Amino acid sequence: MLQKEFSPILRFMVVSDVHYKDEHCIEEERMEKAIKIAYRLAEEHPTYNKLDAVFADGDFANSGTETQMRKFKATMDNNLKPETQYMLNMASHEYHGNGVEAAYKLFGEVFGIPVDNHIEINGFHFITMSSSHGCEYDPDKIEYASKELKIAREKDPKKPIFFFQHPHLTDTVSGSIYWADESFIPTLMDYPQVIDFSGHSHVPINDPRSIHQRHFTCLGTGSLSYFELDEFDKHYGTCPPKKEDCAQMLIVEANAEGAVRIYPYDVLTDNFFPFVWEIDEPWNVDSFKYTDARYKTTDAPWFENAQITISDINSNGFKVTFPQAKTKTDYVNDYKVVIKEADNGLTVKQKKIWSEYYFYNMPETLSIDFDDLKADTQYDIELIAGSFWDTYSEPVKATVKTNK
């Protein structure tokens, strides 16, 4: 739940990659549900009951048609109270229809707000940037952002400045290997008080790497449409099974001193994920908790009385089933299963899968199928759990022989 000992004077919700379509789509229902949840959470707080703003951080429309934009506008009009503002930006998907210039014009006609915007709410500054083309930003965008950031800092250099652009900033949050752009980084480095929000990747917000602090703070904003993960060694690709079971948002609060609390929330099950990100001094780099130092941990996953179950044995393969491992702080990120020929130790198969941590109700067990193996052959199996911080469990082992 929201921290009752924290006394906010500002509260807003953030989503991205909603992907409204011309036809009726589940994403419309998820967006409406997210807004209703955000209002309910606000009303339950003991001291501050407002939802001040809703932010959709790009790809709110799947292809930028007028129908999609007007449907999204209708969702805002029909679900937001007069006290709640909304801000949007655009990037690749909004331009898929008729290009950037047409999207800019349509955006202005439908929403009546600038494509790049700077507003102040309760003494806090919000800057949103739409891309110049695709997910890239031309020099005029950098110039605009620089000017607006200076204005915001002059008002109060210790208050957070909330900054929004659709692609991640390169080499920051999870998802920023591929789904990223570096254009704003040199400018934002002068503003450690910036809290930057980005989407594009569809990486789950409850991945602990979806917050990152180095020169300033970065946050990934997930999706209300489908999951995609920026890791390339999973045997089913970057989109996991049941990828469409996805609706996540961030609830953000700030108090009078400028401290910030960020709550990752699962819209599908209507539950907080079990941690809160705390930024007490956004302006103070030395106070940052969510840095690359997290990779220096010795904390590794472990299996508690783990036992590999082998089933569906045939002449060329079998199924491996195992329980989830444990960690002290986060979830397990993924599992690797290695198959070796028992008589010579030769590795013949390696597969990795995610733990499915992105579902609020994680499965208790997972399975991987193996095929294209030799008949009547004995194989050694090794199972290894991996954390988000490149630490690994001791292997759990088993042996199996394929049928003749």
Protein backbone atom coordinates (compact mmCIF):
# COMPACT_ATOMS: atom_id res chain seq x y z
CA MET A 1 0.00 0.00 0.00
CA LEU A 2 0.99 3.65 -0.18
CA GLN A 3 3.31 4.57 2.69
CA LYS A 4 1.02 6.13 5.28
CA GLU A 5 3.94 7.75 7.09
CA PHE A 6 4.87 9.60 3.89
CA SER A 7 2.97 12.89 3.52
CA PRO A 8 2.65 13.72 -0.17
CA ILE A 9 1.56 17.01 -1.68
CA LEU A 10 1.69 15.54 -5.19
CA ARG A 11 0.52 12.26 -6.71
CA PHE A 12 0.47 11.11 -10.33
CA MET A 13 0.33 7.88 -12.32
CA VAL A 14 2.47 6.91 -15.30
CA VAL A 15 1.80 4.41 -18.06
CA SER A 16 3.26 3.88 -21.50
CA ASP A 17 2.88 1.65 -24.53
CA VAL A 18 -0.88 1.43 -24.18
CA HIS A 19 -1.40 0.84 -27.93
CA TYR A 20 -5.01 1.90 -28.54
CA LYS A 21 -6.27 0.42 -31.81
CA ASP A 22 -9.03 1.47 -34.21
CA GLU A 23 -11.23 -1.42 -33.14
CA HIS A 24 -12.23 -1.98 -29.53
CA CYS A 25 -9.27 -3.47 -27.66
CA ILE A 26 -8.44 -4.77 -24.19
CA GLU A 27 -5.99 -1.91 -23.71
CA GLU A 28 -8.91 0.54 -23.43
CA GLU A 29 -10.33 -1.44 -20.53
CA ARG A 30 -6.92 -1.66 -18.88
CA MET A 31 -6.37 2.09 -19.15
CA GLU A 32 -9.74 2.83 -17.58
CA LYS A 33 -9.07 0.29 -14.84
CA ALA A 34 -5.66 1.83 -14.11
CA ILE A 35 -7.20 5.27 -13.67
CA LYS A 36 -9.94 3.95 -11.38
CA ILE A 37 -7.35 2.14 -9.25
CA ALA A 38 -5.21 5.28 -9.00
CA TYR A 39 -8.20 7.28 -7.75
CA ARG A 40 -9.11 4.59 -5.23
CA LEU A 41 -5.56 4.46 -3.88
CA ALA A 42 -5.55 8.24 -3.55
CA GLU A 43 -8.84 8.23 -1.68
CA GLU A 44 -7.54 5.62 0.76
CA HIS A 45 -4.54 7.75 1.80
CA PRO A 46 -4.95 9.28 5.29
CA THR A 47 -3.72 12.79 4.44
CA TYR A 48 -3.72 13.42 0.68
CA ASN A 49 -6.55 12.18 -1.49
CA LYS A 50 -5.90 13.71 -4.91
CA LEU A 51 -4.65 12.27 -8.17
CA ASP A 52 -3.00 15.32 -9.69
CA ALA A 53 -2.00 13.97 -13.09
CA VAL A 54 -1.92 11.06 -15.52
CA PHE A 55 1.02 10.64 -17.88
CA ALA A 56 1.08 8.41 -20.96
CA ASP A 57 4.70 8.20 -22.01
CA GLY A 58 4.39 7.45 -25.72
CA ASP A 59 2.84 4.77 -27.92
CA PHE A 60 -0.57 5.45 -26.43
CA ALA A 61 -1.84 4.95 -30.02
CA ASN A 62 -0.85 1.85 -31.96
CA SER A 63 -0.54 3.57 -35.32
CA GLY A 64 -1.50 7.18 -34.68
CA THR A 65 -4.82 7.24 -36.51
CA GLU A 66 -7.42 9.86 -35.69
CA THR A 67 -9.71 7.13 -34.36
CA GLN A 68 -7.07 5.96 -31.89
CA MET A 69 -6.22 9.46 -30.70
CA ARG A 70 -9.85 10.43 -30.25
CA LYS A 71 -10.54 7.21 -28.36
CA PHE A 72 -7.68 7.96 -26.00
CA LYS A 73 -8.94 11.52 -25.55
CA ALA A 74 -12.39 10.11 -24.74
CA THR A 75 -10.86 7.88 -22.07
CA MET A 76 -9.27 10.93 -20.47
CA ASP A 77 -12.47 12.99 -20.71
CA ASN A 78 -14.71 10.24 -19.37
CA ASN A 79 -12.51 9.06 -16.50
CA LEU A 80 -10.50 12.00 -15.15
CA LYS A 81 -11.85 14.38 -12.55
CA PRO A 82 -11.41 18.14 -13.04
CA GLU A 83 -8.57 18.11 -10.47
CA THR A 84 -6.49 15.74 -12.65
CA GLN A 85 -4.38 16.95 -15.56
CA TYR A 86 -2.96 14.71 -18.23
CA MET A 87 0.16 14.90 -20.39
CA LEU A 88 1.19 12.79 -23.36
CA ASN A 89 4.09 12.48 -25.71
CA MET A 90 4.53 10.73 -29.03
CA ALA A 91 7.14 8.56 -30.71
CA SER A 92 7.36 5.74 -33.22
CA HIS A 93 3.88 4.21 -33.15
CA GLU A 94 2.02 7.51 -33.33
CA TYR A 95 3.90 8.20 -36.58
CA HIS A 96 3.11 4.89 -38.28
CA GLY A 97 0.03 6.26 -40.02
CA ASN A 98 0.86 9.46 -41.91
CA GLY A 99 4.24 10.46 -40.53
CA VAL A 100 5.49 12.93 -37.97
CA GLU A 101 4.10 16.19 -39.34
CA ALA A 102 0.59 14.80 -39.69
CA ALA A 103 0.78 13.25 -36.22
CA TYR A 104 1.85 16.56 -34.68
CA LYS A 105 -1.05 18.37 -36.37
CA LEU A 106 -3.60 15.73 -35.37
CA PHE A 107 -2.28 15.65 -31.79
CA GLY A 108 -2.85 19.39 -31.47
CA GLU A 109 -6.35 19.17 -32.93
CA VAL A 110 -7.42 16.26 -30.72
CA PHE A 111 -5.75 17.04 -27.40
CA GLY A 112 -5.19 20.78 -27.58
CA ILE A 113 -1.79 20.55 -25.89
CA PRO A 114 1.74 21.00 -27.26
CA VAL A 115 3.69 17.96 -28.47
CA ASP A 116 6.54 19.16 -26.23
CA ASN A 117 5.28 20.57 -22.98
CA HIS A 118 6.32 22.01 -19.63
CA ILE A 119 3.77 22.41 -16.84
CA GLU A 120 3.91 23.02 -13.10
CA ILE A 121 1.73 21.16 -10.62
CA ASN A 122 1.85 21.96 -6.91
CA GLY A 123 5.28 23.51 -7.31
CA PHE A 124 6.75 20.55 -9.23
CA HIS A 125 7.87 20.76 -12.85
CA PHE A 126 6.99 18.27 -15.59
CA ILE A 127 8.57 18.26 -19.04
CA THR A 128 7.38 15.94 -21.81
CA MET A 129 9.16 15.48 -25.15
CA SER A 130 7.84 13.95 -28.37
CA SER A 131 10.45 12.53 -30.71
CA SER A 132 11.49 14.23 -33.95
CA HIS A 133 11.14 11.03 -35.95
CA GLY A 134 10.95 7.39 -34.91
CA CYS A 135 12.50 7.41 -31.46
CA GLU A 136 15.16 10.04 -32.10
CA TYR A 137 15.44 13.73 -31.22
CA ASP A 138 16.81 16.54 -33.40
CA PRO A 139 18.89 19.44 -31.98
CA ASP A 140 15.87 21.72 -31.61
CA LYS A 141 14.38 19.23 -29.16
CA ILE A 142 17.55 19.22 -27.08
CA GLU A 143 17.58 23.01 -27.10
CA TYR A 144 13.97 23.16 -25.91
CA ALA A 145 14.61 20.64 -23.14
CA SER A 146 17.71 22.52 -21.98
CA LYS A 147 15.82 25.81 -21.79
CA GLU A 148 12.92 24.32 -19.86
CA LEU A 149 15.18 22.43 -17.46
CA LYS A 150 16.95 25.67 -16.56
CA ILE A 151 13.63 27.33 -15.82
CA ALA A 152 12.57 24.44 -13.60
CA ARG A 153 15.84 24.37 -11.66
CA GLU A 154 15.76 28.10 -11.01
CA LYS A 155 12.44 27.71 -9.21
CA ASP A 156 13.87 25.24 -6.68
CA PRO A 157 17.19 23.43 -7.30
CA LYS A 158 16.40 20.67 -4.78
CA LYS A 159 12.96 19.76 -6.09
CA PRO A 160 12.76 16.83 -8.51
CA ILE A 161 12.14 17.66 -12.15
CA PHE A 162 9.99 15.01 -13.80
CA PHE A 163 11.09 14.43 -17.41
CA PHE A 164 9.35 12.19 -19.95
CA GLN A 165 10.47 10.82 -23.32
CA HIS A 166 9.37 7.58 -24.94
CA PRO A 167 12.59 5.62 -25.61
CA HIS A 168 14.81 4.70 -22.69
CA LEU A 169 18.05 6.56 -22.22
CA THR A 170 20.83 4.29 -23.44
CA ASP A 171 22.58 2.14 -20.81
CA THR A 172 20.27 3.01 -17.94
CA VAL A 173 17.17 0.96 -17.09
CA SER A 174 16.44 -2.58 -18.19
CA GLY A 175 15.42 -2.42 -21.84
CA SER A 176 17.95 0.24 -22.77
CA ILE A 177 20.23 -2.09 -24.72
CA TYR A 178 18.04 -1.96 -27.81
CA TRP A 179 15.00 0.23 -27.10
CA ALA A 180 16.90 3.42 -26.38
CA ASP A 181 18.24 6.77 -27.53
CA GLU A 182 21.10 8.73 -26.01
CA SER A 183 20.22 12.24 -27.25
CA PHE A 184 19.18 13.79 -23.93
CA ILE A 185 21.90 12.27 -21.74
CA PRO A 186 24.54 15.04 -22.00
CA THR A 187 21.88 17.65 -21.20
CA LEU A 188 20.28 15.75 -18.32
CA MET A 189 23.66 15.09 -16.70
CA ASP A 190 23.64 18.69 -15.48
CA TYR A 191 20.42 18.02 -13.61
CA PRO A 192 20.82 15.23 -11.04
CA GLN A 193 17.39 16.17 -9.68
CA VAL A 194 15.78 14.90 -12.89
CA ILE A 195 13.60 11.83 -12.55
CA ASP A 196 13.29 10.52 -16.09
CA PHE A 197 10.45 8.29 -17.28
CA SER A 198 10.64 6.22 -20.47
CA GLY A 199 8.97 3.27 -22.16
CA HIS A 200 9.28 1.71 -25.63
CA SER A 201 10.76 -1.62 -24.50
CA HIS A 202 7.69 -3.07 -22.69
CA VAL A 203 10.09 -4.37 -20.02
CA PRO A 204 8.24 -5.11 -16.75
CA ILE A 205 8.30 -2.32 -14.19
CA ASN A 206 8.81 -4.82 -11.37
CA ASP A 207 12.19 -5.76 -12.81
CA PRO A 208 14.40 -4.10 -10.15
CA ARG A 209 16.58 -2.78 -12.96
CA SER A 210 13.62 -0.66 -14.11
CA ILE A 211 14.99 2.00 -11.80
CA HIS A 212 18.53 3.21 -12.39
CA GLN A 213 20.59 6.01 -10.88
CA ARG A 214 23.92 7.22 -12.16
CA HIS A 215 23.99 10.92 -13.04
CA PHE A 216 20.24 11.28 -12.38
CA THR A 217 17.30 8.90 -11.86
CA CYS A 218 15.71 6.84 -14.65
CA LEU A 219 12.54 4.75 -14.57
CA GLY A 220 11.00 2.35 -17.07
CA THR A 221 7.24 2.59 -17.43
CA GLY A 222 6.27 -0.88 -18.70
CA SER A 223 3.17 -1.45 -20.82
CA LEU A 224 -0.58 -1.97 -20.74
CA SER A 225 -0.41 -4.17 -23.83
CA TYR A 226 2.24 -6.90 -23.82
CA PHE A 227 5.61 -7.78 -22.30
CA GLU A 228 8.88 -7.76 -24.14
CA LEU A 229 12.20 -8.19 -22.36
CA ASP A 230 15.59 -6.92 -23.43
CA GLU A 231 17.44 -10.21 -23.01
CA PHE A 232 18.26 -12.27 -26.05
CA ASP A 233 19.17 -15.73 -24.81
CA LYS A 234 15.71 -17.12 -24.06
CA HIS A 235 14.68 -19.99 -26.30
CA TYR A 236 11.25 -18.45 -27.03
CA GLY A 237 12.74 -15.05 -27.94
CA THR A 238 12.28 -11.65 -26.29
CA CYS A 239 8.49 -11.96 -25.93
CA PRO A 240 7.60 -14.57 -23.32
CA PRO A 241 4.62 -16.93 -23.36
CA LYS A 242 1.42 -15.20 -22.20
CA LYS A 243 3.03 -11.88 -23.07
CA GLU A 244 -0.39 -10.27 -23.45
CA ASP A 245 -1.20 -10.78 -19.74
CA CYS A 246 0.32 -7.38 -19.12
CA ALA A 247 -0.90 -4.20 -17.48
CA GLN A 248 1.42 -2.30 -15.17
CA MET A 249 1.72 1.30 -14.01
CA LEU A 250 3.67 3.50 -11.64
CA ILE A 251 2.14 5.56 -8.86
CA VAL A 252 4.44 8.45 -7.91
CA GLU A 253 4.26 10.70 -4.85
CA ALA A 254 6.36 13.65 -3.67
CA ASN A 255 6.31 15.54 -0.39
CA ALA A 256 6.96 19.17 0.46
CA GLU A 257 10.70 18.56 0.87
CA GLY A 258 10.94 17.02 -2.60
CA ALA A 259 11.35 13.42 -1.48
CA VAL A 260 9.75 10.92 -3.86
CA ARG A 261 8.11 7.52 -3.51
CA ILE A 262 7.49 5.30 -6.55
CA TYR A 263 5.13 2.34 -6.36
CA PRO A 264 5.14 -0.28 -9.16
CA TYR A 265 1.60 -1.58 -9.54
CA ASP A 266 0.03 -4.57 -11.27
CA VAL A 267 -3.20 -3.40 -12.86
CA LEU A 268 -4.38 -6.86 -13.94
CA THR A 269 -4.55 -8.25 -10.39
CA ASP A 270 -5.00 -4.87 -8.65
CA ASN A 271 -1.94 -5.30 -6.43
CA PHE A 272 1.16 -3.39 -5.44
CA PHE A 273 4.37 -5.18 -6.27
CA PRO A 274 6.19 -5.88 -2.99
CA PHE A 275 8.65 -2.99 -2.91
CA VAL A 276 8.76 0.82 -3.01
CA TRP A 277 11.50 2.90 -4.61
CA GLU A 278 12.56 5.74 -2.33
CA ILE A 279 14.37 8.88 -3.47
CA ASP A 280 14.84 11.16 -0.49
CA GLU A 281 17.22 13.66 -2.07
CA PRO A 282 16.78 13.63 -5.85
CA TRP A 283 19.36 16.40 -6.24
CA ASN A 284 22.09 14.53 -4.33
CA VAL A 285 23.95 11.97 -6.43
CA ASP A 286 25.74 10.68 -3.33
CA SER A 287 22.39 9.62 -1.85
CA PHE A 288 21.43 7.41 -4.79
CA LYS A 289 20.55 3.82 -3.85
CA TYR A 290 19.75 2.24 -7.22
CA THR A 291 23.13 2.41 -8.92
CA ASP A 292 25.33 -0.04 -10.79
CA ALA A 293 26.80 -0.95 -7.41
CA ARG A 294 23.89 -3.37 -7.15
CA TYR A 295 25.82 -5.64 -9.51
CA LYS A 296 28.56 -5.99 -6.88
CA THR A 297 26.34 -8.04 -4.58
CA THR A 298 27.27 -11.51 -3.41
CA ASP A 299 23.62 -12.37 -2.91
CA ALA A 300 22.77 -15.30 -5.16
CA PRO A 301 19.62 -17.38 -5.65
CA TRP A 302 19.30 -20.73 -3.97
CA PHE A 303 17.06 -23.76 -4.23
CA GLU A 304 15.36 -24.98 -1.10
CA ASN A 305 15.05 -28.78 -1.19
CA ALA A 306 14.94 -28.57 -4.97
CA GLN A 307 14.23 -31.61 -7.00
CA ILE A 308 14.14 -31.82 -10.77
CA THR A 309 11.22 -33.81 -12.12
CA ILE A 310 11.68 -35.49 -15.50
CA SER A 311 8.64 -36.56 -17.51
CA ASP A 312 7.43 -37.22 -21.06
CA ILE A 313 10.55 -39.27 -21.76
CA ASN A 314 10.74 -40.59 -25.30
CA SER A 315 13.45 -41.62 -27.76
CA ASN A 316 14.62 -38.10 -28.52
CA GLY A 317 13.76 -35.96 -25.53
CA PHE A 318 11.97 -35.25 -22.26
CA LYS A 319 10.48 -32.50 -20.10
CA VAL A 320 12.31 -30.92 -17.14
CA THR A 321 10.17 -29.43 -14.35
CA PHE A 322 11.49 -27.62 -11.28
CA PRO A 323 10.38 -25.33 -8.42
CA GLN A 324 11.19 -21.64 -8.21
CA ALA A 325 14.41 -20.71 -6.44
CA LYS A 326 14.61 -18.04 -3.75
CA THR A 327 16.54 -14.81 -3.22
CA LYS A 328 16.98 -12.50 -0.25
CA THR A 329 15.82 -9.30 -1.93
CA ASP A 330 14.22 -9.60 -5.38
CA TYR A 331 12.80 -12.29 -7.58
CA VAL A 332 14.81 -14.80 -9.55
CA ASN A 333 15.28 -13.45 -13.06
CA ASP A 334 15.79 -16.63 -15.07
CA TYR A 335 16.82 -20.27 -15.20
CA LYS A 336 19.32 -22.10 -17.34
CA VAL A 337 19.11 -25.83 -17.99
CA VAL A 338 22.16 -27.57 -19.45
CA ILE A 339 22.02 -31.06 -20.99
CA LYS A 340 25.25 -33.05 -21.26
CA GLU A 341 25.96 -36.51 -22.58
CA ALA A 342 26.78 -38.53 -19.47
CA ASP A 343 29.55 -40.65 -20.97
CA ASN A 344 31.73 -37.77 -22.23
CA GLY A 345 30.46 -34.57 -20.55
CA LEU A 346 29.72 -32.96 -23.91
CA THR A 347 27.13 -30.15 -23.70
CA VAL A 348 24.46 -30.74 -26.34
CA LYS A 349 21.62 -28.45 -25.23
CA GLN A 350 21.33 -25.20 -23.27
CA LYS A 351 18.03 -23.38 -22.72
CA LYS A 352 17.07 -20.36 -20.63
CA ILE A 353 13.66 -19.15 -19.55
CA TRP A 354 12.45 -16.30 -17.37
CA SER A 355 11.07 -17.02 -13.93
CA GLU A 356 7.86 -15.21 -14.97
CA TYR A 357 8.50 -12.66 -12.21
CA TYR A 358 6.52 -10.15 -14.29
CA PHE A 359 3.29 -11.88 -13.31
CA TYR A 360 2.10 -10.85 -9.86
CA ASN A 361 1.05 -14.47 -9.30
CA MET A 362 4.24 -16.24 -10.27
CA PRO A 363 3.94 -19.98 -10.99
CA GLU A 364 5.37 -22.25 -8.32
CA THR A 365 7.03 -24.52 -10.89
CA LEU A 366 8.38 -24.13 -14.42
CA SER A 367 9.04 -26.58 -17.24
CA ILE A 368 11.29 -26.78 -20.28
CA ASP A 369 10.95 -29.32 -23.10
CA PHE A 370 13.99 -30.83 -24.81
CA ASP A 371 14.06 -32.72 -28.09
CA ASP A 372 16.45 -33.59 -30.92
CA LEU A 373 18.48 -35.80 -28.58
CA LYS A 374 19.86 -39.30 -29.14
CA ALA A 375 17.83 -42.40 -28.40
CA ASP A 376 18.91 -44.82 -25.67
CA THR A 377 21.38 -42.29 -24.28
CA GLN A 378 22.04 -41.17 -20.72
CA TYR A 379 22.12 -37.42 -20.09
CA ASP A 380 23.18 -35.31 -17.13
CA ILE A 381 21.00 -32.29 -16.35
CA GLU A 382 22.11 -29.12 -14.56
CA LEU A 383 19.69 -26.42 -13.43
CA ILE A 384 20.99 -22.95 -12.46
CA ALA A 385 18.97 -19.95 -11.22
CA GLY A 386 20.15 -16.45 -12.11
CA SER A 387 19.52 -13.15 -10.34
CA PHE A 388 19.11 -9.73 -11.95
CA TRP A 389 22.63 -8.89 -10.79
CA ASP A 390 24.60 -11.62 -12.56
CA THR A 391 24.85 -13.95 -9.59
CA TYR A 392 23.93 -17.63 -9.85
CA SER A 393 22.80 -20.51 -7.72
CA GLU A 394 24.68 -23.72 -7.21
CA PRO A 395 23.51 -26.19 -9.86
CA VAL A 396 20.84 -28.76 -9.12
CA LYS A 397 21.56 -32.01 -10.95
CA ALA A 398 19.66 -35.01 -12.28
CA THR A 399 20.18 -37.84 -14.76
CA VAL A 400 17.87 -39.29 -17.39
CA LYS A 401 18.07 -41.88 -20.15
CA THR A 402 16.09 -41.52 -23.35
CA ASN A 403 14.02 -44.42 -24.66
CA LYS A 404 15.25 -46.78 -27.36
